[in-house]
């Protein structure tokens, strides 16, 4: 099971340095096409997507999130931090594994 990142150029580059494959997108249309393409690939277990990239294609993200069981979509904060009303990465980790970092 592999991770895959869909995001802006800087985010994708950072994840590639950690060994995670990804695709950089600039427009909602590119994001939509990337999501559709990833769901056609074998071996992808988790899709990471920054909140700001997911927001313009919210309907599509929610459709995949609620109607498919695999791969899992995880929205993450980008380098500017979480969107208003969303938890930051430390809070997400604490909630997921119970460890404070």
PDB file of N, CA and C in Angstrom:
ATOM      1  N   UNK A   1       0.850  -1.168   0.000  1.00  0.00           N
ATOM      2  CA  UNK A   1       0.000   0.000   0.000  1.00  0.00           C
ATOM      3  C   UNK A   1       0.897   1.233   0.000  1.00  0.00           C
ATOM      4  N   UNK A   2       0.651   2.126  -0.959  1.00  0.00           N
ATOM      5  CA  UNK A   2       1.477   3.318  -1.092  1.00  0.00           C
ATOM      6  C   UNK A   2       0.678   4.581  -0.778  1.00  0.00           C
ATOM      7  N   UNK A   3       1.430   5.592  -0.367  1.00  0.00           N
ATOM      8  CA  UNK A   3       0.878   6.931  -0.195  1.00  0.00           C
ATOM      9  C   UNK A   3       1.057   7.687  -1.504  1.00  0.00           C
ATOM     10  N   UNK A   4       0.192   8.663  -1.755  1.00  0.00           N
ATOM     11  CA  UNK A   4       0.287   9.525  -2.928  1.00  0.00           C
ATOM     12  C   UNK A   4      -0.178  10.908  -2.514  1.00  0.00           C
ATOM     13  N   UNK A   5       0.541  11.942  -2.958  1.00  0.00           N
ATOM     14  CA  UNK A   5       0.186  13.322  -2.629  1.00  0.00           C
ATOM     15  C   UNK A   5      -0.282  14.063  -3.874  1.00  0.00           C
ATOM     16  N   UNK A   6      -1.375  14.779  -3.739  1.00  0.00           N
ATOM     17  CA  UNK A   6      -1.844  15.718  -4.767  1.00  0.00           C
ATOM     18  C   UNK A   6      -1.773  17.082  -4.105  1.00  0.00           C
ATOM     19  N   UNK A   7      -0.999  17.997  -4.668  1.00  0.00           N
ATOM     20  CA  UNK A   7      -0.863  19.297  -4.014  1.00  0.00           C
ATOM     21  C   UNK A   7      -0.134  20.311  -4.862  1.00  0.00           C
ATOM     22  N   UNK A   8       0.212  21.423  -4.231  1.00  0.00           N
ATOM     23  CA  UNK A   8       0.980  22.450  -4.923  1.00  0.00           C
ATOM     24  C   UNK A   8       2.417  21.959  -5.092  1.00  0.00           C
ATOM     25  N   UNK A   9       3.185  22.653  -5.912  1.00  0.00           N
ATOM     26  CA  UNK A   9       4.544  22.240  -6.249  1.00  0.00           C
ATOM     27  C   UNK A   9       5.421  22.030  -5.015  1.00  0.00           C
ATOM     28  N   UNK A  10       5.384  22.969  -4.073  1.00  0.00           N
ATOM     29  CA  UNK A  10       6.243  22.881  -2.899  1.00  0.00           C
ATOM     30  C   UNK A  10       5.874  21.698  -2.005  1.00  0.00           C
ATOM     31  N   UNK A  11       4.591  21.477  -1.813  1.00  0.00           N
ATOM     32  CA  UNK A  11       4.141  20.365  -0.975  1.00  0.00           C
ATOM     33  C   UNK A  11       4.523  19.028  -1.596  1.00  0.00           C
ATOM     34  N   UNK A  12       4.302  18.897  -2.888  1.00  0.00           N
ATOM     35  CA  UNK A  12       4.640  17.651  -3.572  1.00  0.00           C
ATOM     36  C   UNK A  12       6.148  17.415  -3.510  1.00  0.00           C
ATOM     37  N   UNK A  13       6.934  18.446  -3.711  1.00  0.00           N
ATOM     38  CA  UNK A  13       8.387  18.312  -3.646  1.00  0.00           C
ATOM     39  C   UNK A  13       8.825  17.829  -2.257  1.00  0.00           C
ATOM     40  N   UNK A  14       8.262  18.412  -1.216  1.00  0.00           N
ATOM     41  CA  UNK A  14       8.596  18.000   0.142  1.00  0.00           C
ATOM     42  C   UNK A  14       8.278  16.535   0.405  1.00  0.00           C
ATOM     43  N   UNK A  15       7.121  16.083  -0.040  1.00  0.00           N
ATOM     44  CA  UNK A  15       6.750  14.690   0.156  1.00  0.00           C
ATOM     45  C   UNK A  15       7.595  13.755  -0.701  1.00  0.00           C
ATOM     46  N   UNK A  16       7.983  14.207  -1.895  1.00  0.00           N
ATOM     47  CA  UNK A  16       8.867  13.382  -2.729  1.00  0.00           C
ATOM     48  C   UNK A  16      10.205  13.169  -2.044  1.00  0.00           C
ATOM     49  N   UNK A  17      10.675  14.175  -1.327  1.00  0.00           N
ATOM     50  CA  UNK A  17      11.937  14.029  -0.600  1.00  0.00           C
ATOM     51  C   UNK A  17      11.821  12.965   0.492  1.00  0.00           C
ATOM     52  N   UNK A  18      10.597  12.696   0.933  1.00  0.00           N
ATOM     53  CA  UNK A  18      10.355  11.650   1.928  1.00  0.00           C
ATOM     54  C   UNK A  18       9.999  10.315   1.267  1.00  0.00           C
ATOM     55  N   UNK A  19      10.088  10.263  -0.066  1.00  0.00           N
ATOM     56  CA  UNK A  19       9.837   9.022  -0.779  1.00  0.00           C
ATOM     57  C   UNK A  19       8.401   8.781  -1.181  1.00  0.00           C
ATOM     58  N   UNK A  20       7.562   9.820  -1.111  1.00  0.00           N
ATOM     59  CA  UNK A  20       6.147   9.664  -1.467  1.00  0.00           C
ATOM     60  C   UNK A  20       5.915  10.264  -2.841  1.00  0.00           C
ATOM     61  N   UNK A  21       5.359   9.465  -3.728  1.00  0.00           N
ATOM     62  CA  UNK A  21       5.064   9.894  -5.090  1.00  0.00           C
ATOM     63  C   UNK A  21       3.919  10.902  -5.069  1.00  0.00           C
ATOM     64  N   UNK A  22       3.897  11.802  -6.046  1.00  0.00           N
ATOM     65  CA  UNK A  22       2.823  12.775  -6.082  1.00  0.00           C
ATOM     66  C   UNK A  22       2.721  13.495  -7.399  1.00  0.00           C
ATOM     67  N   UNK A  23       1.710  14.345  -7.481  1.00  0.00           N
ATOM     68  CA  UNK A  23       1.485  15.156  -8.663  1.00  0.00           C
ATOM     69  C   UNK A  23       1.162  16.577  -8.221  1.00  0.00           C
ATOM     70  N   UNK A  24       1.825  17.544  -8.859  1.00  0.00           N
ATOM     71  CA  UNK A  24       1.571  18.953  -8.553  1.00  0.00           C
ATOM     72  C   UNK A  24       0.434  19.446  -9.441  1.00  0.00           C
ATOM     73  N   UNK A  25      -0.491  20.173  -8.833  1.00  0.00           N
ATOM     74  CA  UNK A  25      -1.631  20.730  -9.561  1.00  0.00           C
ATOM     75  C   UNK A  25      -1.687  22.231  -9.320  1.00  0.00           C
ATOM     76  N   UNK A  26      -2.249  22.952 -10.297  1.00  0.00           N
ATOM     77  CA  UNK A  26      -2.362  24.404 -10.164  1.00  0.00           C
ATOM     78  C   UNK A  26      -3.799  24.895 -10.238  1.00  0.00           C
ATOM     79  N   UNK A  27      -4.683  24.104 -10.816  1.00  0.00           N
ATOM     80  CA  UNK A  27      -6.058  24.540 -11.006  1.00  0.00           C
ATOM     81  C   UNK A  27      -7.022  23.478 -10.468  1.00  0.00           C
ATOM     82  N   UNK A  28      -8.262  23.874 -10.198  1.00  0.00           N
ATOM     83  CA  UNK A  28      -9.253  22.873  -9.781  1.00  0.00           C
ATOM     84  C   UNK A  28      -9.456  21.771 -10.833  1.00  0.00           C
ATOM     85  N   UNK A  29      -9.348  22.130 -12.107  1.00  0.00           N
ATOM     86  CA  UNK A  29      -9.507  21.129 -13.166  1.00  0.00           C
ATOM     87  C   UNK A  29      -8.395  20.087 -13.096  1.00  0.00           C
ATOM     88  N   UNK A  30      -7.155  20.536 -12.868  1.00  0.00           N
ATOM     89  CA  UNK A  30      -6.041  19.598 -12.723  1.00  0.00           C
ATOM     90  C   UNK A  30      -6.224  18.723 -11.485  1.00  0.00           C
ATOM     91  N   UNK A  31      -6.726  19.313 -10.415  1.00  0.00           N
ATOM     92  CA  UNK A  31      -6.976  18.550  -9.191  1.00  0.00           C
ATOM     93  C   UNK A  31      -8.019  17.475  -9.444  1.00  0.00           C
ATOM     94  N   UNK A  32      -9.087  17.835 -10.116  1.00  0.00           N
ATOM     95  CA  UNK A  32     -10.154  16.889 -10.425  1.00  0.00           C
ATOM     96  C   UNK A  32      -9.640  15.732 -11.274  1.00  0.00           C
ATOM     97  N   UNK A  33      -8.857  16.049 -12.294  1.00  0.00           N
ATOM     98  CA  UNK A  33      -8.299  15.015 -13.161  1.00  0.00           C
ATOM     99  C   UNK A  33      -7.335  14.118 -12.392  1.00  0.00           C
ATOM    100  N   UNK A  34      -6.528  14.716 -11.514  1.00  0.00           N
ATOM    101  CA  UNK A  34      -5.580  13.932 -10.717  1.00  0.00           C
ATOM    102  C   UNK A  34      -6.321  12.957  -9.796  1.00  0.00           C
ATOM    103  N   UNK A  35      -7.384  13.422  -9.149  1.00  0.00           N
ATOM    104  CA  UNK A  35      -8.168  12.539  -8.278  1.00  0.00           C
ATOM    105  C   UNK A  35      -8.751  11.369  -9.063  1.00  0.00           C
ATOM    106  N   UNK A  36      -9.362  11.671 -10.194  1.00  0.00           N
ATOM    107  CA  UNK A  36      -9.935  10.603 -11.014  1.00  0.00           C
ATOM    108  C   UNK A  36      -8.861   9.601 -11.435  1.00  0.00           C
ATOM    109  N   UNK A  37      -7.695  10.111 -11.807  1.00  0.00           N
ATOM    110  CA  UNK A  37      -6.615   9.235 -12.235  1.00  0.00           C
ATOM    111  C   UNK A  37      -6.085   8.343 -11.129  1.00  0.00           C
ATOM    112  N   UNK A  38      -5.970   8.880  -9.933  1.00  0.00           N
ATOM    113  CA  UNK A  38      -5.455   8.106  -8.808  1.00  0.00           C
ATOM    114  C   UNK A  38      -6.392   6.955  -8.450  1.00  0.00           C
ATOM    115  N   UNK A  39      -7.686   7.183  -8.549  1.00  0.00           N
ATOM    116  CA  UNK A  39      -8.636   6.121  -8.218  1.00  0.00           C
ATOM    117  C   UNK A  39      -8.643   5.014  -9.263  1.00  0.00           C
ATOM    118  N   UNK A  40      -7.994   5.234 -10.400  1.00  0.00           N
ATOM    119  CA  UNK A  40      -7.869   4.205 -11.417  1.00  0.00           C
ATOM    120  C   UNK A  40      -6.592   3.378 -11.254  1.00  0.00           C
ATOM    121  N   UNK A  41      -5.663   3.840 -10.411  1.00  0.00           N
ATOM    122  CA  UNK A  41      -4.375   3.165 -10.234  1.00  0.00           C
ATOM    123  C   UNK A  41      -4.461   2.085  -9.171  1.00  0.00           C
ATOM    124  N   UNK A  42      -3.656   1.062  -9.347  1.00  0.00           N
ATOM    125  CA  UNK A  42      -3.543  -0.034  -8.382  1.00  0.00           C
ATOM    126  C   UNK A  42      -2.458   0.305  -7.363  1.00  0.00           C
ATOM    127  N   UNK A  43      -2.621  -0.149  -6.145  1.00  0.00           N
ATOM    128  CA  UNK A  43      -1.575  -0.058  -5.149  1.00  0.00           C
ATOM    129  C   UNK A  43      -1.537   1.208  -4.322  1.00  0.00           C
ATOM    130  N   UNK A  44      -2.382   2.191  -4.615  1.00  0.00           N
ATOM    131  CA  UNK A  44      -2.428   3.416  -3.821  1.00  0.00           C
ATOM    132  C   UNK A  44      -3.382   3.169  -2.656  1.00  0.00           C
ATOM    133  N   UNK A  45      -2.865   3.345  -1.435  1.00  0.00           N
ATOM    134  CA  UNK A  45      -3.686   3.105  -0.248  1.00  0.00           C
ATOM    135  C   UNK A  45      -4.172   4.369   0.425  1.00  0.00           C
ATOM    136  N   UNK A  46      -3.359   5.440   0.340  1.00  0.00           N
ATOM    137  CA  UNK A  46      -3.708   6.689   1.007  1.00  0.00           C
ATOM    138  C   UNK A  46      -3.391   7.851   0.072  1.00  0.00           C
ATOM    139  N   UNK A  47      -4.359   8.723  -0.109  1.00  0.00           N
ATOM    140  CA  UNK A  47      -4.171   9.942  -0.891  1.00  0.00           C
ATOM    141  C   UNK A  47      -4.123  11.103   0.085  1.00  0.00           C
ATOM    142  N   UNK A  48      -3.031  11.847   0.061  1.00  0.00           N
ATOM    143  CA  UNK A  48      -2.902  13.061   0.864  1.00  0.00           C
ATOM    144  C   UNK A  48      -3.201  14.247  -0.034  1.00  0.00           C
ATOM    145  N   UNK A  49      -3.988  15.190   0.473  1.00  0.00           N
ATOM    146  CA  UNK A  49      -4.318  16.376  -0.306  1.00  0.00           C
ATOM    147  C   UNK A  49      -4.448  17.562   0.650  1.00  0.00           C
ATOM    148  N   UNK A  50      -3.729  18.644   0.376  1.00  0.00           N
ATOM    149  CA  UNK A  50      -3.858  19.822   1.238  1.00  0.00           C
ATOM    150  C   UNK A  50      -5.281  20.386   1.203  1.00  0.00           C
ATOM    151  N   UNK A  51      -5.714  20.911   2.343  1.00  0.00           N
ATOM    152  CA  UNK A  51      -7.081  21.447   2.460  1.00  0.00           C
ATOM    153  C   UNK A  51      -7.382  22.505   1.401  1.00  0.00           C
ATOM    154  N   UNK A  52      -6.429  23.396   1.151  1.00  0.00           N
ATOM    155  CA  UNK A  52      -6.668  24.465   0.178  1.00  0.00           C
ATOM    156  C   UNK A  52      -6.779  23.947  -1.250  1.00  0.00           C
ATOM    157  N   UNK A  53      -6.153  22.832  -1.541  1.00  0.00           N
ATOM    158  CA  UNK A  53      -6.264  22.207  -2.867  1.00  0.00           C
ATOM    159  C   UNK A  53      -7.597  21.469  -2.975  1.00  0.00           C
ATOM    160  N   UNK A  54      -8.037  20.861  -1.878  1.00  0.00           N
ATOM    161  CA  UNK A  54      -9.289  20.095  -1.880  1.00  0.00           C
ATOM    162  C   UNK A  54     -10.526  20.990  -1.903  1.00  0.00           C
ATOM    163  N   UNK A  55     -10.430  22.169  -1.323  1.00  0.00           N
ATOM    164  CA  UNK A  55     -11.604  23.033  -1.164  1.00  0.00           C
ATOM    165  C   UNK A  55     -12.336  23.348  -2.473  1.00  0.00           C
ATOM    166  N   UNK A  56     -11.632  23.726  -3.562  1.00  0.00           N
ATOM    167  CA  UNK A  56     -12.352  24.043  -4.800  1.00  0.00           C
ATOM    168  C   UNK A  56     -13.043  22.840  -5.456  1.00  0.00           C
ATOM    169  N   UNK A  57     -12.633  21.633  -5.113  1.00  0.00           N
ATOM    170  CA  UNK A  57     -13.265  20.432  -5.667  1.00  0.00           C
ATOM    171  C   UNK A  57     -13.933  19.627  -4.545  1.00  0.00           C
ATOM    172  N   UNK A  58     -14.476  20.334  -3.582  1.00  0.00           N
ATOM    173  CA  UNK A  58     -15.072  19.730  -2.386  1.00  0.00           C
ATOM    174  C   UNK A  58     -16.090  18.645  -2.717  1.00  0.00           C
ATOM    175  N   UNK A  59     -16.959  18.884  -3.690  1.00  0.00           N
ATOM    176  CA  UNK A  59     -17.992  17.907  -4.035  1.00  0.00           C
ATOM    177  C   UNK A  59     -17.368  16.589  -4.466  1.00  0.00           C
ATOM    178  N   UNK A  60     -16.351  16.662  -5.299  1.00  0.00           N
ATOM    179  CA  UNK A  60     -15.685  15.453  -5.776  1.00  0.00           C
ATOM    180  C   UNK A  60     -14.936  14.747  -4.640  1.00  0.00           C
ATOM    181  N   UNK A  61     -14.214  15.506  -3.827  1.00  0.00           N
ATOM    182  CA  UNK A  61     -13.487  14.926  -2.694  1.00  0.00           C
ATOM    183  C   UNK A  61     -14.465  14.224  -1.760  1.00  0.00           C
ATOM    184  N   UNK A  62     -15.553  14.893  -1.420  1.00  0.00           N
ATOM    185  CA  UNK A  62     -16.547  14.289  -0.520  1.00  0.00           C
ATOM    186  C   UNK A  62     -17.174  13.045  -1.136  1.00  0.00           C
ATOM    187  N   UNK A  63     -17.420  13.053  -2.434  1.00  0.00           N
ATOM    188  CA  UNK A  63     -18.005  11.882  -3.088  1.00  0.00           C
ATOM    189  C   UNK A  63     -17.074  10.677  -2.938  1.00  0.00           C
ATOM    190  N   UNK A  64     -15.796  10.865  -3.224  1.00  0.00           N
ATOM    191  CA  UNK A  64     -14.841   9.767  -3.050  1.00  0.00           C
ATOM    192  C   UNK A  64     -14.708   9.382  -1.576  1.00  0.00           C
ATOM    193  N   UNK A  65     -14.658  10.380  -0.706  1.00  0.00           N
ATOM    194  CA  UNK A  65     -14.465  10.123   0.728  1.00  0.00           C
ATOM    195  C   UNK A  65     -15.602   9.288   1.298  1.00  0.00           C
ATOM    196  N   UNK A  66     -16.828   9.610   0.945  1.00  0.00           N
ATOM    197  CA  UNK A  66     -17.985   8.941   1.536  1.00  0.00           C
ATOM    198  C   UNK A  66     -18.472   7.718   0.769  1.00  0.00           C
ATOM    199  N   UNK A  67     -18.078   7.575  -0.496  1.00  0.00           N
ATOM    200  CA  UNK A  67     -18.616   6.470  -1.288  1.00  0.00           C
ATOM    201  C   UNK A  67     -17.596   5.400  -1.638  1.00  0.00           C
ATOM    202  N   UNK A  68     -16.331   5.620  -1.301  1.00  0.00           N
ATOM    203  CA  UNK A  68     -15.327   4.593  -1.559  1.00  0.00           C
ATOM    204  C   UNK A  68     -14.617   4.273  -0.245  1.00  0.00           C
ATOM    205  N   UNK A  69     -14.178   3.051  -0.139  1.00  0.00           N
ATOM    206  CA  UNK A  69     -13.461   2.662   1.073  1.00  0.00           C
ATOM    207  C   UNK A  69     -11.957   2.652   0.868  1.00  0.00           C
ATOM    208  N   UNK A  70     -11.527   2.649  -0.386  1.00  0.00           N
ATOM    209  CA  UNK A  70     -10.106   2.529  -0.664  1.00  0.00           C
ATOM    210  C   UNK A  70      -9.783   3.185  -1.993  1.00  0.00           C
ATOM    211  N   UNK A  71      -8.806   3.986  -2.116  1.00  0.00           N
ATOM    212  CA  UNK A  71      -7.873   4.465  -1.114  1.00  0.00           C
ATOM    213  C   UNK A  71      -8.508   5.500  -0.185  1.00  0.00           C
ATOM    214  N   UNK A  72      -7.877   5.654   0.944  1.00  0.00           N
ATOM    215  CA  UNK A  72      -8.317   6.612   1.951  1.00  0.00           C
ATOM    216  C   UNK A  72      -7.840   8.009   1.556  1.00  0.00           C
ATOM    217  N   UNK A  73      -8.698   9.009   1.663  1.00  0.00           N
ATOM    218  CA  UNK A  73      -8.306  10.398   1.405  1.00  0.00           C
ATOM    219  C   UNK A  73      -8.098  11.095   2.742  1.00  0.00           C
ATOM    220  N   UNK A  74      -6.929  11.710   2.899  1.00  0.00           N
ATOM    221  CA  UNK A  74      -6.628  12.458   4.109  1.00  0.00           C
ATOM    222  C   UNK A  74      -6.283  13.888   3.720  1.00  0.00           C
ATOM    223  N   UNK A  75      -7.053  14.828   4.232  1.00  0.00           N
ATOM    224  CA  UNK A  75      -6.766  16.241   3.992  1.00  0.00           C
ATOM    225  C   UNK A  75      -5.793  16.728   5.055  1.00  0.00           C
ATOM    226  N   UNK A  76      -4.773  17.432   4.605  1.00  0.00           N
ATOM    227  CA  UNK A  76      -3.733  17.922   5.505  1.00  0.00           C
ATOM    228  C   UNK A  76      -3.603  19.433   5.359  1.00  0.00           C
ATOM    229  N   UNK A  77      -3.137  20.110   6.407  1.00  0.00           N
ATOM    230  CA  UNK A  77      -2.844  21.535   6.277  1.00  0.00           C
ATOM    231  C   UNK A  77      -1.657  21.721   5.328  1.00  0.00           C
ATOM    232  N   UNK A  78      -1.616  22.849   4.637  1.00  0.00           N
ATOM    233  CA  UNK A  78      -0.463  23.134   3.792  1.00  0.00           C
ATOM    234  C   UNK A  78       0.541  23.986   4.552  1.00  0.00           C
ATOM    235  N   UNK A  79       1.517  24.534   3.869  1.00  0.00           N
ATOM    236  CA  UNK A  79       2.581  25.294   4.540  1.00  0.00           C
ATOM    237  C   UNK A  79       2.078  26.578   5.187  1.00  0.00           C
ATOM    238  N   UNK A  80       0.875  27.011   4.858  1.00  0.00           N
ATOM    239  CA  UNK A  80       0.294  28.208   5.456  1.00  0.00           C
ATOM    240  C   UNK A  80      -0.527  27.893   6.700  1.00  0.00           C
ATOM    241  N   UNK A  81      -0.630  26.610   7.037  1.00  0.00           N
ATOM    242  CA  UNK A  81      -1.394  26.200   8.207  1.00  0.00           C
ATOM    243  C   UNK A  81      -2.802  25.760   7.842  1.00  0.00           C
ATOM    244  N   UNK A  82      -3.574  25.364   8.833  1.00  0.00           N
ATOM    245  CA  UNK A  82      -4.922  24.864   8.561  1.00  0.00           C
ATOM    246  C   UNK A  82      -5.872  25.986   8.157  1.00  0.00           C
ATOM    247  N   UNK A  83      -6.911  25.607   7.437  1.00  0.00           N
ATOM    248  CA  UNK A  83      -7.973  26.556   7.110  1.00  0.00           C
ATOM    249  C   UNK A  83      -8.695  26.935   8.400  1.00  0.00           C
ATOM    250  N   UNK A  84      -9.323  28.099   8.435  1.00  0.00           N
ATOM    251  CA  UNK A  84     -10.072  28.495   9.638  1.00  0.00           C
ATOM    252  C   UNK A  84     -11.088  27.423  10.027  1.00  0.00           C
ATOM    253  N   UNK A  85     -11.089  27.097  11.314  1.00  0.00           N
ATOM    254  CA  UNK A  85     -12.019  26.093  11.815  1.00  0.00           C
ATOM    255  C   UNK A  85     -11.515  24.666  11.723  1.00  0.00           C
ATOM    256  N   UNK A  86     -10.344  24.453  11.136  1.00  0.00           N
ATOM    257  CA  UNK A  86      -9.774  23.111  11.012  1.00  0.00           C
ATOM    258  C   UNK A  86      -8.625  22.948  12.001  1.00  0.00           C
ATOM    259  N   UNK A  87      -8.347  21.721  12.411  1.00  0.00           N
ATOM    260  CA  UNK A  87      -7.262  21.454  13.356  1.00  0.00           C
ATOM    261  C   UNK A  87      -5.917  21.443  12.641  1.00  0.00           C
ATOM    262  N   UNK A  88      -4.855  21.828  13.360  1.00  0.00           N
ATOM    263  CA  UNK A  88      -3.527  21.775  12.770  1.00  0.00           C
ATOM    264  C   UNK A  88      -2.974  20.362  12.866  1.00  0.00           C
ATOM    265  N   UNK A  89      -1.823  20.137  12.241  1.00  0.00           N
ATOM    266  CA  UNK A  89      -1.271  18.788  12.124  1.00  0.00           C
ATOM    267  C   UNK A  89      -0.974  18.167  13.480  1.00  0.00           C
ATOM    268  N   UNK A  90      -0.531  18.964  14.450  1.00  0.00           N
ATOM    269  CA  UNK A  90      -0.260  18.420  15.784  1.00  0.00           C
ATOM    270  C   UNK A  90      -1.533  17.894  16.440  1.00  0.00           C
ATOM    271  N   UNK A  91      -2.611  18.636  16.301  1.00  0.00           N
ATOM    272  CA  UNK A  91      -3.882  18.193  16.869  1.00  0.00           C
ATOM    273  C   UNK A  91      -4.384  16.936  16.168  1.00  0.00           C
ATOM    274  N   UNK A  92      -4.178  16.852  14.843  1.00  0.00           N
ATOM    275  CA  UNK A  92      -4.594  15.667  14.102  1.00  0.00           C
ATOM    276  C   UNK A  92      -3.830  14.426  14.556  1.00  0.00           C
ATOM    277  N   UNK A  93      -2.519  14.571  14.751  1.00  0.00           N
ATOM    278  CA  UNK A  93      -1.704  13.450  15.215  1.00  0.00           C
ATOM    279  C   UNK A  93      -2.101  13.030  16.618  1.00  0.00           C
ATOM    280  N   UNK A  94      -2.301  14.014  17.481  1.00  0.00           N
ATOM    281  CA  UNK A  94      -2.702  13.703  18.851  1.00  0.00           C
ATOM    282  C   UNK A  94      -4.031  12.952  18.872  1.00  0.00           C
ATOM    283  N   UNK A  95      -4.974  13.389  18.045  1.00  0.00           N
ATOM    284  CA  UNK A  95      -6.269  12.718  18.005  1.00  0.00           C
ATOM    285  C   UNK A  95      -6.158  11.306  17.418  1.00  0.00           C
ATOM    286  N   UNK A  96      -5.274  11.125  16.440  1.00  0.00           N
ATOM    287  CA  UNK A  96      -5.148   9.831  15.769  1.00  0.00           C
ATOM    288  C   UNK A  96      -4.403   8.806  16.600  1.00  0.00           C
ATOM    289  N   UNK A  97      -3.306   9.220  17.240  1.00  0.00           N
ATOM    290  CA  UNK A  97      -2.473   8.240  17.931  1.00  0.00           C
ATOM    291  C   UNK A  97      -2.325   8.502  19.419  1.00  0.00           C
ATOM    292  N   UNK A  98      -2.835   9.607  19.882  1.00  0.00           N
ATOM    293  CA  UNK A  98      -2.768   9.895  21.313  1.00  0.00           C
ATOM    294  C   UNK A  98      -1.413  10.338  21.813  1.00  0.00           C
ATOM    295  N   UNK A  99      -0.573  10.811  20.896  1.00  0.00           N
ATOM    296  CA  UNK A  99       0.770  11.249  21.278  1.00  0.00           C
ATOM    297  C   UNK A  99       0.900  12.732  20.986  1.00  0.00           C
ATOM    298  N   UNK A 100       1.388  13.478  21.965  1.00  0.00           N
ATOM    299  CA  UNK A 100       1.603  14.906  21.761  1.00  0.00           C
ATOM    300  C   UNK A 100       3.014  15.115  21.245  1.00  0.00           C
ATOM    301  N   UNK A 101       3.146  15.890  20.152  1.00  0.00           N
ATOM    302  CA  UNK A 101       4.477  16.173  19.610  1.00  0.00           C
ATOM    303  C   UNK A 101       4.808  17.635  19.748  1.00  0.00           C
TER     304      UNK A 101
END
